[in-house]
Amino acid sequence: QVQLVESGGGLVQAGGSLRLSCLSSENIFMVSVMAWFRQAPGEQRELVARINVGGRIEYLDSVSGRFTISRDGNKKSVYLQMNNLKPEDTAVYYCAASKLDNSRYDYWGRGTQVTVSA
């Protein structure tokens, strides 16, 4: 069982930056994919960024060029650097892990709130 704990959320003005961290209880290379999702009030959860065990990275179109996903195996952590934040980025951000890279995510953190003011 993999436990994921997010941190780094907060309140920031538009144009500002935040760095989210996701600490795993297990070696992050034991799963096929680590990812960040977000869910805004009244909206469906959406995939923001993902990185697979081989290092392939994908981003949601609306964050491409502003957000960067990275990882540190020694620290069992995955990060999401968010720059030039916009009010529409406001959401609860979740870290997730997929065992088989089959679009199913098996492990989830509890989330961290990101609020971007205009």
C-alpha atoms as a PDB file:
ATOM      1  CA  GLN A   1       0.000   0.000   0.000  1.00  0.00           C
ATOM      2  CA  VAL A   2       1.413   3.353  -1.047  1.00  0.00           C
ATOM      3  CA  GLN A   3       0.576   6.399   1.026  1.00  0.00           C
ATOM      4  CA  LEU A   4       0.865   9.840  -0.537  1.00  0.00           C
ATOM      5  CA  VAL A   5       0.964  13.130   1.320  1.00  0.00           C
ATOM      6  CA  GLU A   6       0.751  16.487  -0.451  1.00  0.00           C
ATOM      7  CA  SER A   7       2.019  19.797   0.831  1.00  0.00           C
ATOM      8  CA  GLY A   8       2.772  23.276  -0.442  1.00  0.00           C
ATOM      9  CA  GLY A   9      -0.653  24.624  -1.250  1.00  0.00           C
ATOM     10  CA  GLY A  10      -1.798  28.058  -0.202  1.00  0.00           C
ATOM     11  CA  LEU A  11      -3.113  31.430  -1.256  1.00  0.00           C
ATOM     12  CA  VAL A  12      -1.250  33.344  -3.944  1.00  0.00           C
ATOM     13  CA  GLN A  13      -1.981  36.302  -6.190  1.00  0.00           C
ATOM     14  CA  ALA A  14      -2.388  35.860  -9.910  1.00  0.00           C
ATOM     15  CA  GLY A  15       1.006  35.707 -11.581  1.00  0.00           C
ATOM     16  CA  GLY A  16       2.596  34.164  -8.527  1.00  0.00           C
ATOM     17  CA  SER A  17       4.154  30.746  -8.004  1.00  0.00           C
ATOM     18  CA  LEU A  18       3.753  27.739  -5.756  1.00  0.00           C
ATOM     19  CA  ARG A  19       5.569  24.457  -5.500  1.00  0.00           C
ATOM     20  CA  LEU A  20       3.596  21.411  -4.475  1.00  0.00           C
ATOM     21  CA  SER A  21       5.288  18.360  -3.004  1.00  0.00           C
ATOM     22  CA  CYS A  22       4.073  14.789  -2.789  1.00  0.00           C
ATOM     23  CA  LEU A  23       5.841  12.481  -0.371  1.00  0.00           C
ATOM     24  CA  SER A  24       5.402   8.763  -0.974  1.00  0.00           C
ATOM     25  CA  SER A  25       5.695   6.081   1.681  1.00  0.00           C
ATOM     26  CA  GLU A  26       7.323   3.805  -0.879  1.00  0.00           C
ATOM     27  CA  ASN A  27       9.910   4.040  -3.643  1.00  0.00           C
ATOM     28  CA  ILE A  28       8.214   6.082  -6.383  1.00  0.00           C
ATOM     29  CA  PHE A  29       9.741   3.834  -9.032  1.00  0.00           C
ATOM     30  CA  MET A  30       7.650   0.936  -7.741  1.00  0.00           C
ATOM     31  CA  VAL A  31       4.679   2.422  -9.588  1.00  0.00           C
ATOM     32  CA  SER A  32       4.400   3.127 -13.286  1.00  0.00           C
ATOM     33  CA  VAL A  33       3.095   6.673 -13.116  1.00  0.00           C
ATOM     34  CA  MET A  34       3.051   9.529 -10.642  1.00  0.00           C
ATOM     35  CA  ALA A  35       0.602  12.314 -11.360  1.00  0.00           C
ATOM     36  CA  TRP A  36      -1.049  15.480 -10.169  1.00  0.00           C
ATOM     37  CA  PHE A  37      -4.788  16.004 -10.495  1.00  0.00           C
ATOM     38  CA  ARG A  38      -6.956  18.920  -9.486  1.00  0.00           C
ATOM     39  CA  GLN A  39     -10.596  19.478  -8.743  1.00  0.00           C
ATOM     40  CA  ALA A  40     -12.284  22.844  -8.576  1.00  0.00           C
ATOM     41  CA  PRO A  41     -15.648  23.330  -6.836  1.00  0.00           C
ATOM     42  CA  GLY A  42     -18.462  22.011  -8.998  1.00  0.00           C
ATOM     43  CA  GLU A  43     -16.030  20.649 -11.552  1.00  0.00           C
ATOM     44  CA  GLN A  44     -14.773  17.203 -12.447  1.00  0.00           C
ATOM     45  CA  ARG A  45     -11.330  16.151 -11.379  1.00  0.00           C
ATOM     46  CA  GLU A  46      -8.773  16.599 -14.154  1.00  0.00           C
ATOM     47  CA  LEU A  47      -5.295  15.335 -14.806  1.00  0.00           C
ATOM     48  CA  VAL A  48      -2.805  18.184 -14.602  1.00  0.00           C
ATOM     49  CA  ALA A  49       0.523  16.454 -15.158  1.00  0.00           C
ATOM     50  CA  ARG A  50       1.956  12.962 -15.144  1.00  0.00           C
ATOM     51  CA  ILE A  51       5.396  11.374 -15.277  1.00  0.00           C
ATOM     52  CA  ASN A  52       5.955   7.717 -15.978  1.00  0.00           C
ATOM     53  CA  VAL A  53       8.720   5.502 -14.723  1.00  0.00           C
ATOM     54  CA  GLY A  54      10.681   6.103 -17.932  1.00  0.00           C
ATOM     55  CA  GLY A  55      10.487   9.853 -17.478  1.00  0.00           C
ATOM     56  CA  ARG A  56       7.872  10.616 -20.104  1.00  0.00           C
ATOM     57  CA  ILE A  57       5.882  13.710 -19.091  1.00  0.00           C
ATOM     58  CA  GLU A  58       2.463  14.938 -20.145  1.00  0.00           C
ATOM     59  CA  TYR A  59       0.596  18.111 -19.227  1.00  0.00           C
ATOM     60  CA  LEU A  60      -2.916  19.428 -19.380  1.00  0.00           C
ATOM     61  CA  ASP A  61      -2.942  21.916 -22.254  1.00  0.00           C
ATOM     62  CA  SER A  62      -3.979  24.833 -20.075  1.00  0.00           C
ATOM     63  CA  VAL A  63      -0.960  24.452 -17.782  1.00  0.00           C
ATOM     64  CA  SER A  64       1.666  23.545 -20.363  1.00  0.00           C
ATOM     65  CA  GLY A  65       4.508  26.055 -20.229  1.00  0.00           C
ATOM     66  CA  ARG A  66       3.530  27.224 -16.748  1.00  0.00           C
ATOM     67  CA  PHE A  67       3.671  24.040 -14.650  1.00  0.00           C
ATOM     68  CA  THR A  68       6.544  21.579 -14.330  1.00  0.00           C
ATOM     69  CA  ILE A  69       6.373  18.103 -12.843  1.00  0.00           C
ATOM     70  CA  SER A  70       9.534  16.568 -11.458  1.00  0.00           C
ATOM     71  CA  ARG A  71      10.626  13.828  -9.107  1.00  0.00           C
ATOM     72  CA  ASP A  72      13.368  12.878  -6.692  1.00  0.00           C
ATOM     73  CA  GLY A  73      13.634   9.144  -6.116  1.00  0.00           C
ATOM     74  CA  ASN A  74      16.005   9.550  -3.186  1.00  0.00           C
ATOM     75  CA  LYS A  75      13.417  11.653  -1.415  1.00  0.00           C
ATOM     76  CA  LYS A  76      10.465   9.506  -2.574  1.00  0.00           C
ATOM     77  CA  SER A  77       8.891  12.707  -3.808  1.00  0.00           C
ATOM     78  CA  VAL A  78       7.183  14.220  -6.792  1.00  0.00           C
ATOM     79  CA  TYR A  79       6.807  17.948  -7.267  1.00  0.00           C
ATOM     80  CA  LEU A  80       4.648  20.351  -9.204  1.00  0.00           C
ATOM     81  CA  GLN A  81       6.169  23.765  -9.810  1.00  0.00           C
ATOM     82  CA  MET A  82       3.401  26.162 -10.750  1.00  0.00           C
ATOM     83  CA  ASN A  83       4.316  29.536 -12.233  1.00  0.00           C
ATOM     84  CA  ASN A  84       2.237  32.393 -13.581  1.00  0.00           C
ATOM     85  CA  LEU A  85      -0.755  31.129 -11.664  1.00  0.00           C
ATOM     86  CA  LYS A  86      -4.215  32.187 -12.754  1.00  0.00           C
ATOM     87  CA  PRO A  87      -7.489  32.342 -10.814  1.00  0.00           C
ATOM     88  CA  GLU A  88      -8.742  29.410 -12.891  1.00  0.00           C
ATOM     89  CA  ASP A  89      -5.970  27.272 -11.370  1.00  0.00           C
ATOM     90  CA  THR A  90      -7.788  27.446  -8.041  1.00  0.00           C
ATOM     91  CA  ALA A  91      -8.578  23.896  -6.943  1.00  0.00           C
ATOM     92  CA  VAL A  92      -7.672  21.110  -4.590  1.00  0.00           C
ATOM     93  CA  TYR A  93      -4.589  19.418  -6.000  1.00  0.00           C
ATOM     94  CA  TYR A  94      -4.110  15.692  -5.523  1.00  0.00           C
ATOM     95  CA  CYS A  95      -1.100  13.470  -5.932  1.00  0.00           C
ATOM     96  CA  ALA A  96      -1.808  10.042  -7.390  1.00  0.00           C
ATOM     97  CA  ALA A  97       0.025   6.898  -8.422  1.00  0.00           C
ATOM     98  CA  SER A  98      -0.788   4.273 -11.015  1.00  0.00           C
ATOM     99  CA  LYS A  99       0.634   0.775 -10.709  1.00  0.00           C
ATOM    100  CA  LEU A 100       0.200  -0.231 -14.333  1.00  0.00           C
ATOM    101  CA  ASP A 101       0.009   3.000 -16.392  1.00  0.00           C
ATOM    102  CA  ASN A 102      -3.452   2.022 -17.605  1.00  0.00           C
ATOM    103  CA  SER A 103      -5.210   5.302 -16.781  1.00  0.00           C
ATOM    104  CA  ARG A 104      -6.343   3.855 -13.479  1.00  0.00           C
ATOM    105  CA  TYR A 105      -4.839   5.488 -10.432  1.00  0.00           C
ATOM    106  CA  ASP A 106      -4.560   3.200  -7.465  1.00  0.00           C
ATOM    107  CA  TYR A 107      -3.284   5.492  -4.732  1.00  0.00           C
ATOM    108  CA  TRP A 108      -4.322   9.020  -3.812  1.00  0.00           C
ATOM    109  CA  GLY A 109      -3.316  11.680  -1.390  1.00  0.00           C
ATOM    110  CA  ARG A 110      -5.818  13.778   0.518  1.00  0.00           C
ATOM    111  CA  GLY A 111      -5.105  16.892  -1.461  1.00  0.00           C
ATOM    112  CA  THR A 112      -3.822  20.386  -0.863  1.00  0.00           C
ATOM    113  CA  GLN A 113      -5.771  23.577  -1.546  1.00  0.00           C
ATOM    114  CA  VAL A 114      -4.432  26.096  -4.044  1.00  0.00           C
ATOM    115  CA  THR A 115      -6.230  29.427  -4.217  1.00  0.00           C
ATOM    116  CA  VAL A 116      -5.245  32.085  -6.722  1.00  0.00           C
ATOM    117  CA  SER A 117      -6.686  35.551  -6.215  1.00  0.00           C
ATOM    118  CA  ALA A 118      -7.218  37.979  -9.055  1.00  0.00           C
END
